């Protein structure tokens, strides 16, 4: 039995080939992968291939065998956290797969001492895999990796997979603030959530936020016009939930006047322009990626490329959903207000 994934599976972003990282068509992820490889080159120059300079990000189309990047990716994606700065590889248990909706087991650390690292080093601690529900015969044991509320960007970075129709997926924005450039969802992983801004914060962030209260009215009006389709979508669509959580909203109660309408329209059009640019930056359409994915599914050794295409498709679908919501709000501001 194979105990570890082959290098071609790329268990985390750092092990993606240069072509695969570029194929994600998401500059933030490509930069993260290259920076991780550069740090590894500086920390472990003796473990790099002889033809690679320290800090090099070059890679062949397919990794020929185990490498430093592959080893780090395996450790990163399979380690269990035992405490602050304590991470452990637990043989065989680390082979258990993750599930978002069908978790039936859990992994717990049992130690005899508050000094977790010391206890583990002395052999006084154990990781225990146990069923959390009754598990029928021939049912795969599934656990949660603790990433159930992670975006696809975070999932592919840490574990090398994506979650279809992920309600926690998010877009990041780079939009001008009143006095400086503002990066929402920056490289530290911060995300701007729905309704994140109170009255005082909005004084600084208002140039690129829209009213959550008014957007809600716009969606309800859209629902009435289309037989409540929008309300059903909002209740049941993970992608719509992710889109609404991706849009920077403020919770300030606005006094409606001509100036307010102008400010809301400007903010909406600023977001809409950036979202449309995100979509145009892809080299392929959603339909083209669908065809490519179908062609890959029966090919041996195409797991990494499949993941890349799935990531692109999920990101495109989320961007399009955000655009649809912003267009609805813009129409509401133009026609109804």
Protein backbone atom coordinates (compact mmCIF):
# COMPACT_ATOMS: atom_id res chain seq x y z
CA UNK A 1 0.00 0.00 0.00
CA UNK A 2 1.19 3.51 -0.76
CA UNK A 3 1.73 5.41 2.49
CA UNK A 4 2.46 8.84 1.00
CA UNK A 5 1.15 10.56 -2.12
CA UNK A 6 3.46 10.51 -5.14
CA UNK A 7 5.21 13.76 -6.02
CA UNK A 8 2.87 14.23 -8.99
CA UNK A 9 -0.11 14.58 -6.58
CA UNK A 10 1.34 17.75 -4.97
CA UNK A 11 -0.14 17.48 -1.45
CA UNK A 12 0.25 21.26 -0.93
CA UNK A 13 0.93 24.38 -2.99
CA UNK A 14 4.65 24.44 -2.27
CA UNK A 15 5.02 21.17 -4.24
CA UNK A 16 3.15 22.41 -7.30
CA UNK A 17 5.26 22.57 -10.42
CA UNK A 18 5.95 25.97 -11.90
CA UNK A 19 3.53 25.22 -14.75
CA UNK A 20 0.79 24.14 -12.34
CA UNK A 21 1.18 27.22 -10.13
CA UNK A 22 1.02 29.44 -13.20
CA UNK A 23 -2.01 27.47 -14.41
CA UNK A 24 -4.01 28.48 -11.33
CA UNK A 25 -4.06 31.97 -12.91
CA UNK A 26 -4.13 33.52 -9.44
CA UNK A 27 -1.03 35.70 -8.94
CA UNK A 28 -1.32 35.65 -5.12
CA UNK A 29 -1.01 31.86 -5.04
CA UNK A 30 1.83 31.77 -7.55
CA UNK A 31 3.70 34.35 -5.46
CA UNK A 32 3.08 32.37 -2.25
CA UNK A 33 4.40 29.18 -3.83
CA UNK A 34 7.54 30.91 -5.13
CA UNK A 35 8.22 32.62 -1.80
CA UNK A 36 7.85 29.32 0.09
CA UNK A 37 10.32 27.64 -2.27
CA UNK A 38 12.74 30.52 -1.92
CA UNK A 39 12.64 30.24 1.88
CA UNK A 40 13.25 26.50 1.67
CA UNK A 41 16.23 27.11 -0.58
CA UNK A 42 17.70 29.52 1.95
CA UNK A 43 17.03 27.24 4.94
CA UNK A 44 18.12 23.94 3.37
CA UNK A 45 20.50 24.63 0.46
CA UNK A 46 22.18 21.24 0.86
CA UNK A 47 18.89 19.41 0.20
CA UNK A 48 18.22 21.11 -3.12
CA UNK A 49 19.03 19.38 -6.42
CA UNK A 50 22.60 20.09 -7.48
CA UNK A 51 21.46 22.16 -10.46
CA UNK A 52 19.26 24.44 -8.36
CA UNK A 53 20.58 27.57 -6.75
CA UNK A 54 19.44 28.44 -3.22
CA UNK A 55 16.09 30.20 -3.42
CA UNK A 56 15.41 28.99 -6.96
CA UNK A 57 11.75 28.60 -7.92
CA UNK A 58 12.46 26.67 -11.12
CA UNK A 59 10.85 23.26 -11.51
CA UNK A 60 10.38 20.75 -14.28
CA UNK A 61 6.91 20.16 -15.69
CA UNK A 62 6.60 17.03 -13.53
CA UNK A 63 8.64 16.36 -10.41
CA UNK A 64 10.76 13.32 -11.15
CA UNK A 65 10.84 12.01 -7.62
CA UNK A 66 10.72 12.95 -3.94
CA UNK A 67 12.06 16.44 -3.32
CA UNK A 68 12.44 18.87 -0.47
CA UNK A 69 9.28 20.69 -1.57
CA UNK A 70 7.34 17.43 -1.74
CA UNK A 71 8.54 16.43 1.76
CA UNK A 72 7.53 19.78 3.22
CA UNK A 73 4.15 19.57 1.49
CA UNK A 74 3.55 16.10 2.97
CA UNK A 75 4.47 17.28 6.46
CA UNK A 76 2.40 20.44 6.13
CA UNK A 77 -0.72 18.72 4.88
CA UNK A 78 -0.58 15.64 7.13
CA UNK A 79 0.66 16.92 10.49
CA UNK A 80 -1.58 17.00 13.56
CA UNK A 81 -1.31 19.90 15.96
CA UNK A 82 -0.67 18.83 19.52
CA UNK A 83 -0.44 22.30 21.02
CA UNK A 84 1.17 25.68 20.48
CA UNK A 85 3.98 25.14 17.96
CA UNK A 86 3.75 21.35 18.39
CA UNK A 87 3.04 19.45 15.16
CA UNK A 88 3.30 15.68 14.75
CA UNK A 89 3.20 13.16 11.94
CA UNK A 90 1.05 10.23 13.13
CA UNK A 91 1.72 7.19 10.93
CA UNK A 92 -1.35 5.54 9.38
CA UNK A 93 -3.71 8.01 11.08
CA UNK A 94 -2.36 10.68 8.75
CA UNK A 95 -3.78 8.63 5.84
CA UNK A 96 -7.39 9.31 6.93
CA UNK A 97 -9.17 11.56 4.46
CA UNK A 98 -11.00 14.81 5.18
CA UNK A 99 -14.72 15.33 4.72
CA UNK A 100 -16.82 18.48 4.90
CA UNK A 101 -20.18 16.76 5.33
CA UNK A 102 -19.59 13.11 6.24
CA UNK A 103 -17.25 13.23 9.26
CA UNK A 104 -17.60 10.04 11.29
CA UNK A 105 -14.42 9.99 13.39
CA UNK A 106 -12.09 12.27 15.32
CA UNK A 107 -8.44 12.39 16.30
CA UNK A 108 -7.61 13.38 19.88
CA UNK A 109 -4.32 13.84 21.69
CA UNK A 110 -4.13 12.29 25.14
CA UNK A 111 -1.18 13.36 27.30
CA UNK A 112 -0.32 13.02 30.98
CA UNK A 113 1.39 16.39 31.30
CA UNK A 114 0.65 20.04 30.51
CA UNK A 115 4.03 20.08 28.77
CA UNK A 116 2.72 18.52 25.55
CA UNK A 117 6.03 18.41 23.72
CA UNK A 118 7.84 16.97 26.74
CA UNK A 119 5.17 14.34 27.24
CA UNK A 120 5.31 13.27 23.62
CA UNK A 121 9.10 13.10 23.64
CA UNK A 122 8.95 10.85 26.73
CA UNK A 123 6.34 8.62 25.14
CA UNK A 124 3.67 9.73 27.62
CA UNK A 125 1.23 10.92 24.96
CA UNK A 126 -0.83 9.29 22.25
CA UNK A 127 -2.96 10.40 19.33
CA UNK A 128 -6.21 8.44 19.33
CA UNK A 129 -8.50 7.89 16.33
CA UNK A 130 -12.03 7.05 17.42
CA UNK A 131 -15.50 6.91 15.87
CA UNK A 132 -17.74 9.90 16.56
CA UNK A 133 -20.85 8.12 15.21
CA UNK A 134 -21.76 4.52 14.43
CA UNK A 135 -19.85 3.56 11.27
CA UNK A 136 -21.31 0.90 9.00
CA UNK A 137 -19.10 -1.84 7.60
CA UNK A 138 -17.18 -0.92 4.44
CA UNK A 139 -17.68 2.83 5.12
CA UNK A 140 -14.58 4.98 4.78
CA UNK A 141 -13.40 6.60 8.01
CA UNK A 142 -13.46 10.39 7.56
CA UNK A 143 -12.26 13.18 9.85
CA UNK A 144 -12.22 16.97 9.71
CA UNK A 145 -8.85 18.61 9.13
CA UNK A 146 -10.14 21.69 10.94
CA UNK A 147 -10.52 23.54 7.65
CA UNK A 148 -14.28 23.43 7.24
CA UNK A 149 -14.49 27.23 7.13
CA UNK A 150 -11.46 27.72 4.86
CA UNK A 151 -11.54 29.37 1.44
CA UNK A 152 -10.38 27.44 -1.61
CA UNK A 153 -7.28 29.62 -1.69
CA UNK A 154 -6.41 28.42 1.81
CA UNK A 155 -7.33 24.80 1.04
CA UNK A 156 -5.17 24.52 -2.06
CA UNK A 157 -2.29 26.21 -0.27
CA UNK A 158 -2.31 23.84 2.73
CA UNK A 159 -3.81 20.62 1.37
CA UNK A 160 -3.67 20.79 -2.43
CA UNK A 161 -7.42 20.38 -2.99
CA UNK A 162 -10.47 22.58 -3.49
CA UNK A 163 -14.03 22.39 -2.19
CA UNK A 164 -16.69 22.59 -4.91
CA UNK A 165 -19.38 25.22 -4.27
CA UNK A 166 -17.53 26.33 -1.13
CA UNK A 167 -19.67 28.65 1.06
CA UNK A 168 -16.49 29.95 2.71
CA UNK A 169 -14.73 30.85 -0.52
CA UNK A 170 -13.79 34.54 -0.76
CA UNK A 171 -12.51 37.13 -3.20
CA UNK A 172 -9.77 39.55 -2.26
CA UNK A 173 -9.90 43.15 -3.41
CA UNK A 174 -7.32 45.86 -3.96
CA UNK A 175 -9.23 49.10 -4.00
CA UNK A 176 -8.29 52.71 -3.24
CA UNK A 177 -9.12 53.92 0.25
CA UNK A 178 -9.46 57.60 1.18
CA UNK A 179 -5.72 58.08 1.68
CA UNK A 180 -3.97 54.91 0.62
CA UNK A 181 -4.17 51.62 -1.21
CA UNK A 182 -6.29 49.10 0.64
CA UNK A 183 -5.73 45.37 0.25
CA UNK A 184 -8.73 43.35 1.41
CA UNK A 185 -7.91 39.70 2.02
CA UNK A 186 -4.15 40.26 2.05
CA UNK A 187 -1.28 37.81 2.09
CA UNK A 188 -1.78 37.20 5.82
CA UNK A 189 -5.11 35.58 5.01
CA UNK A 190 -7.34 38.30 6.42
CA UNK A 191 -10.76 38.36 4.84
CA UNK A 192 -13.32 41.14 4.80
CA UNK A 193 -16.53 39.57 5.97
CA UNK A 194 -20.11 40.64 5.37
CA UNK A 195 -20.89 43.56 7.72
CA UNK A 196 -17.37 43.85 9.12
CA UNK A 197 -17.50 47.64 9.51
CA UNK A 198 -19.18 49.57 12.29
CA UNK A 199 -19.92 53.33 12.22
CA UNK A 200 -16.45 54.49 13.31
CA UNK A 201 -14.59 52.14 10.98
CA UNK A 202 -16.74 53.17 8.05
CA UNK A 203 -15.44 56.73 8.35
CA UNK A 204 -12.14 55.35 7.01
CA UNK A 205 -13.37 52.48 4.84
CA UNK A 206 -16.50 54.02 3.34
CA UNK A 207 -15.05 54.74 -0.08
CA UNK A 208 -15.03 51.09 -1.04
CA UNK A 209 -17.90 49.63 1.01
CA UNK A 210 -21.57 49.45 0.08
CA UNK A 211 -24.61 49.40 2.33
CA UNK A 212 -25.59 45.94 3.52
CA UNK A 213 -29.04 47.24 4.37
CA UNK A 214 -29.66 48.62 0.88
CA UNK A 215 -28.15 45.57 -0.82
CA UNK A 216 -30.58 43.40 1.14
CA UNK A 217 -33.46 45.55 -0.12
CA UNK A 218 -32.18 45.22 -3.67
CA UNK A 219 -32.07 41.44 -3.45
CA UNK A 220 -35.55 41.26 -1.94
CA UNK A 221 -36.90 43.44 -4.74
CA UNK A 222 -35.17 41.20 -7.27
CA UNK A 223 -36.79 38.21 -5.57
CA UNK A 224 -40.27 39.72 -5.90
CA UNK A 225 -39.67 40.49 -9.59
CA UNK A 226 -38.50 36.95 -10.34
CA UNK A 227 -40.88 34.89 -8.26
CA UNK A 228 -38.67 34.86 -5.17
CA UNK A 229 -35.89 33.02 -7.02
CA UNK A 230 -33.26 35.20 -5.32
CA UNK A 231 -34.54 34.44 -1.83
CA UNK A 232 -34.48 30.70 -2.53
CA UNK A 233 -30.97 31.07 -3.92
CA UNK A 234 -29.84 33.02 -0.89
CA UNK A 235 -31.18 30.34 1.42
CA UNK A 236 -29.76 27.39 -0.51
CA UNK A 237 -26.84 28.52 -2.67
CA UNK A 238 -23.42 28.18 -1.12
CA UNK A 239 -21.92 30.22 -3.96
CA UNK A 240 -24.33 33.11 -3.38
CA UNK A 241 -23.48 33.01 0.33
CA UNK A 242 -19.78 33.17 -0.56
CA UNK A 243 -20.40 36.05 -2.97
CA UNK A 244 -22.32 38.08 -0.40
CA UNK A 245 -19.60 37.46 2.18
CA UNK A 246 -16.96 38.55 -0.35
CA UNK A 247 -18.54 41.94 -0.99
CA UNK A 248 -17.32 44.63 1.45
CA UNK A 249 -20.42 45.87 3.26
CA UNK A 250 -20.91 48.44 5.99
CA UNK A 251 -23.65 48.38 8.62
CA UNK A 252 -24.14 52.14 8.85
CA UNK A 253 -27.77 53.27 8.74
CA UNK A 254 -27.80 55.77 5.89
CA UNK A 255 -29.96 58.84 5.47
CA UNK A 256 -31.01 58.59 1.85
CA UNK A 257 -30.26 61.60 -0.32
CA UNK A 258 -28.63 62.47 -3.62
CA UNK A 259 -25.11 62.35 -2.13
CA UNK A 260 -25.67 58.95 -0.54
CA UNK A 261 -26.93 57.54 -3.82
CA UNK A 262 -23.86 58.93 -5.62
CA UNK A 263 -21.45 57.43 -3.07
CA UNK A 264 -23.17 54.03 -3.16
CA UNK A 265 -23.12 54.01 -6.96
CA UNK A 266 -19.43 54.94 -7.10
CA UNK A 267 -18.48 52.22 -4.60
CA UNK A 268 -20.58 49.63 -6.45
CA UNK A 269 -19.08 50.51 -9.82
CA UNK A 270 -15.57 50.41 -8.34
CA UNK A 271 -16.16 46.87 -7.05
CA UNK A 272 -17.86 45.84 -10.28
CA UNK A 273 -14.98 47.11 -12.41
CA UNK A 274 -12.44 45.17 -10.36
CA UNK A 275 -14.53 41.97 -10.44
CA UNK A 276 -14.90 42.23 -14.22
CA UNK A 277 -11.14 42.68 -14.55
CA UNK A 278 -10.59 39.56 -12.41
CA UNK A 279 -12.73 37.56 -14.82
CA UNK A 280 -11.04 38.96 -17.92
CA UNK A 281 -7.59 38.11 -16.51
CA UNK A 282 -8.21 34.37 -17.02
CA UNK A 283 -6.75 32.84 -20.16
CA UNK A 284 -9.70 30.49 -20.62
CA UNK A 285 -13.46 30.58 -20.17
CA UNK A 286 -15.47 28.50 -17.70
CA UNK A 287 -16.86 26.44 -20.59
CA UNK A 288 -13.36 25.74 -21.94
CA UNK A 289 -12.24 24.58 -18.50
CA UNK A 290 -15.26 22.26 -18.28
CA UNK A 291 -14.19 20.56 -21.50
CA UNK A 292 -10.58 20.35 -20.32
CA UNK A 293 -11.62 18.82 -16.99
CA UNK A 294 -13.63 16.11 -18.73
CA UNK A 295 -10.62 15.22 -20.87
CA UNK A 296 -8.37 14.96 -17.79
CA UNK A 297 -10.59 12.74 -15.67
CA UNK A 298 -9.62 9.52 -17.45
CA UNK A 299 -5.92 10.33 -17.73
CA UNK A 300 -3.42 8.67 -15.40
CA UNK A 301 -1.20 11.06 -13.45
CA UNK A 302 -3.36 14.14 -14.11
CA UNK A 303 -4.45 14.77 -10.50
CA UNK A 304 -2.46 17.97 -10.14
CA UNK A 305 -3.75 19.41 -13.41
CA UNK A 306 -7.33 18.46 -12.48
CA UNK A 307 -6.97 20.35 -9.21
CA UNK A 308 -5.63 23.39 -11.05
CA UNK A 309 -8.58 23.41 -13.46
CA UNK A 310 -11.11 22.89 -10.66
CA UNK A 311 -9.62 25.80 -8.74
CA UNK A 312 -9.91 28.08 -11.78
CA UNK A 313 -13.51 27.02 -12.36
CA UNK A 314 -14.56 27.62 -8.76
CA UNK A 315 -12.91 31.03 -8.73
CA UNK A 316 -14.51 32.06 -12.02
CA UNK A 317 -17.94 30.95 -10.81
CA UNK A 318 -17.56 32.97 -7.59
CA UNK A 319 -16.42 36.08 -9.46
CA UNK A 320 -19.39 35.78 -11.82
CA UNK A 321 -21.76 35.44 -8.86
CA UNK A 322 -20.29 38.57 -7.27
CA UNK A 323 -20.73 40.42 -10.57
CA UNK A 324 -24.39 39.32 -10.77
CA UNK A 325 -25.05 40.63 -7.25
CA UNK A 326 -23.31 43.95 -7.92
CA UNK A 327 -25.20 44.44 -11.20
CA UNK A 328 -28.46 43.81 -9.35
CA UNK A 329 -27.54 46.42 -6.74
CA UNK A 330 -26.42 48.93 -9.36
CA UNK A 331 -29.73 48.53 -11.20
CA UNK A 332 -31.57 49.01 -7.93
CA UNK A 333 -29.72 52.25 -7.25
CA UNK A 334 -30.43 53.51 -10.77
CA UNK A 335 -34.10 52.56 -11.05
CA UNK A 336 -35.57 52.32 -7.56
CA UNK A 337 -33.85 55.02 -5.54
